[in-house]
Amino acid sequence: MELNKFLEAGWWAVGPYPPELKEFCPPELVPDPAKPVHIVDPKSGLSEQPVAWRPVPTGDIGRVQLTDLPGVPGNSSSYAMAYVYSPSERTATLWVGGKTPVRLWLNGTLVSEATAPDRSEYHLERVPVLLHA
């Protein structure tokens, strides 16, 4: 089964959040695009009201360009999520990375921290994961 078909169906994103990726933010508690979450703008702080996740189209090979999200300033971070269906438990390889650091969770567990050592080029790391049925 090819995972790209699921990733090409689209992602959900919400932000902005502080640029330091290890700082805890609300989407880590409620990673559900049906439930709005508070954002934490690096300049103005915690939002007064929760904000809806937005659908984000994908590019080549399921790529998500979070730096192009409207209303998300530079020097901030965003959360993005996608659902992947697997008919049975199996291993897969996800390509993770970009021009900026990226953290990847799978089923609530942090599985990768891609550091993007060369910000002038896309740096993709292969991350082996176990998909559950």
Protein backbone atom coordinates (compact mmCIF):
# COMPACT_ATOMS: atom_id res chain seq x y z
CA MET A 1 0.00 0.00 0.00
CA GLU A 2 1.33 3.41 -0.87
CA LEU A 3 1.15 5.97 1.94
CA ASN A 4 1.44 8.92 -0.44
CA LYS A 5 -2.22 8.54 -1.42
CA PHE A 6 -3.24 9.24 2.18
CA LEU A 7 -0.81 12.10 2.65
CA GLU A 8 -1.84 13.68 -0.66
CA ALA A 9 -5.44 13.78 0.66
CA GLY A 10 -4.33 16.73 2.73
CA TRP A 11 -3.08 17.86 6.07
CA TRP A 12 -4.46 20.02 8.85
CA ALA A 13 -2.37 22.83 10.36
CA VAL A 14 -2.65 25.36 13.17
CA GLY A 15 -0.36 28.13 14.36
CA PRO A 16 1.55 30.25 15.08
CA TYR A 17 3.50 28.97 18.06
CA PRO A 18 6.92 29.90 19.48
CA PRO A 19 9.87 28.92 17.26
CA GLU A 20 11.46 26.72 19.95
CA LEU A 21 10.06 23.30 19.01
CA LYS A 22 10.67 21.73 22.40
CA GLU A 23 8.32 24.22 24.06
CA PHE A 24 5.03 22.53 24.96
CA CYS A 25 2.01 23.87 23.02
CA PRO A 26 -1.78 23.13 23.11
CA PRO A 27 -1.97 20.88 19.99
CA GLU A 28 0.09 18.30 21.86
CA LEU A 29 -2.89 17.79 24.20
CA VAL A 30 -5.63 17.84 21.54
CA PRO A 31 -4.22 16.70 18.18
CA ASP A 32 -7.66 16.63 16.60
CA PRO A 33 -8.47 18.95 13.66
CA ALA A 34 -12.16 18.85 14.64
CA LYS A 35 -11.34 20.63 17.93
CA PRO A 36 -10.04 24.22 17.89
CA VAL A 37 -6.97 24.95 20.05
CA HIS A 38 -5.38 28.07 21.48
CA ILE A 39 -2.45 29.47 19.54
CA VAL A 40 0.58 31.11 21.13
CA ASP A 41 1.76 33.98 18.96
CA PRO A 42 5.42 34.75 19.78
CA LYS A 43 4.57 38.48 19.97
CA SER A 44 1.08 38.61 21.51
CA GLY A 45 1.01 35.40 23.59
CA LEU A 46 -1.87 32.98 24.17
CA SER A 47 -4.97 33.59 22.08
CA GLU A 48 -8.17 34.58 23.88
CA GLN A 49 -10.24 32.09 21.87
CA PRO A 50 -9.36 28.69 20.40
CA VAL A 51 -8.49 28.71 16.70
CA ALA A 52 -9.66 26.17 14.12
CA TRP A 53 -7.20 23.89 12.36
CA ARG A 54 -6.99 24.72 8.64
CA PRO A 55 -6.80 22.29 5.73
CA VAL A 56 -3.44 22.48 3.95
CA PRO A 57 -2.90 21.12 0.43
CA THR A 58 0.11 19.01 -0.35
CA GLY A 59 2.71 19.33 -3.05
CA ASP A 60 5.04 16.77 -4.57
CA ILE A 61 5.29 13.46 -2.68
CA GLY A 62 2.93 14.71 0.04
CA ARG A 63 5.05 17.74 0.94
CA VAL A 64 3.48 20.32 3.25
CA GLN A 65 4.75 23.90 3.08
CA LEU A 66 3.97 25.36 6.52
CA THR A 67 5.96 28.54 5.91
CA ASP A 68 3.25 29.63 3.45
CA LEU A 69 0.35 29.50 5.92
CA PRO A 70 -1.53 32.81 6.01
CA GLY A 71 -1.39 34.57 9.37
CA VAL A 72 1.67 32.64 10.55
CA PRO A 73 4.63 35.04 10.80
CA GLY A 74 8.24 34.12 10.17
CA ASN A 75 10.24 33.00 13.20
CA SER A 76 7.34 30.94 14.53
CA SER A 77 6.27 27.32 14.30
CA SER A 78 3.08 25.46 13.38
CA TYR A 79 1.59 22.04 13.95
CA ALA A 80 0.47 19.88 11.05
CA MET A 81 -1.22 16.50 11.11
CA ALA A 82 -2.50 13.87 8.73
CA TYR A 83 -4.36 10.61 9.15
CA VAL A 84 -2.82 7.49 7.63
CA TYR A 85 -4.83 4.30 7.27
CA SER A 86 -3.13 0.92 7.50
CA PRO A 87 -5.19 -2.27 7.02
CA SER A 88 -2.72 -4.21 9.18
CA GLU A 89 0.22 -3.62 11.48
CA ARG A 90 3.31 -3.01 9.36
CA THR A 91 6.51 -1.04 9.12
CA ALA A 92 6.90 1.97 6.87
CA THR A 93 9.43 4.71 6.20
CA LEU A 94 8.43 8.36 6.49
CA TRP A 95 10.55 11.10 4.96
CA VAL A 96 10.73 14.00 7.40
CA GLY A 97 12.50 17.33 7.28
CA GLY A 98 12.83 20.56 5.40
CA LYS A 99 14.68 23.84 5.64
CA THR A 100 13.82 24.22 9.33
CA PRO A 101 13.75 21.78 12.25
CA VAL A 102 10.79 19.36 12.41
CA ARG A 103 9.44 17.14 15.19
CA LEU A 104 7.29 14.13 14.25
CA TRP A 105 4.78 12.30 16.43
CA LEU A 106 3.07 9.07 15.47
CA ASN A 107 0.07 8.01 17.54
CA GLY A 108 1.09 10.43 20.31
CA THR A 109 4.74 9.30 20.52
CA LEU A 110 7.63 11.52 19.43
CA VAL A 111 9.50 9.45 16.80
CA SER A 112 11.84 11.97 15.14
CA GLU A 113 13.55 15.31 15.57
CA ALA A 114 14.96 16.42 12.22
CA THR A 115 17.40 19.29 12.76
CA ALA A 116 17.78 20.67 9.18
CA PRO A 117 21.57 21.27 9.36
CA ASP A 118 21.73 23.10 6.01
CA ARG A 119 18.90 25.63 5.83
CA SER A 120 19.64 26.41 2.18
CA GLU A 121 18.58 22.92 1.07
CA TYR A 122 15.77 20.56 1.97
CA HIS A 123 17.16 17.94 4.30
CA LEU A 124 15.01 14.82 4.48
CA GLU A 125 15.60 12.03 6.97
CA ARG A 126 14.17 8.53 6.63
CA VAL A 127 12.27 7.62 9.77
CA PRO A 128 11.25 3.96 10.24
CA VAL A 129 7.84 3.67 11.95
CA LEU A 130 5.36 0.98 12.92
CA LEU A 131 1.83 1.58 11.66
CA HIS A 132 -1.01 -0.03 13.60
CA ALA A 133 -4.15 -1.37 11.98
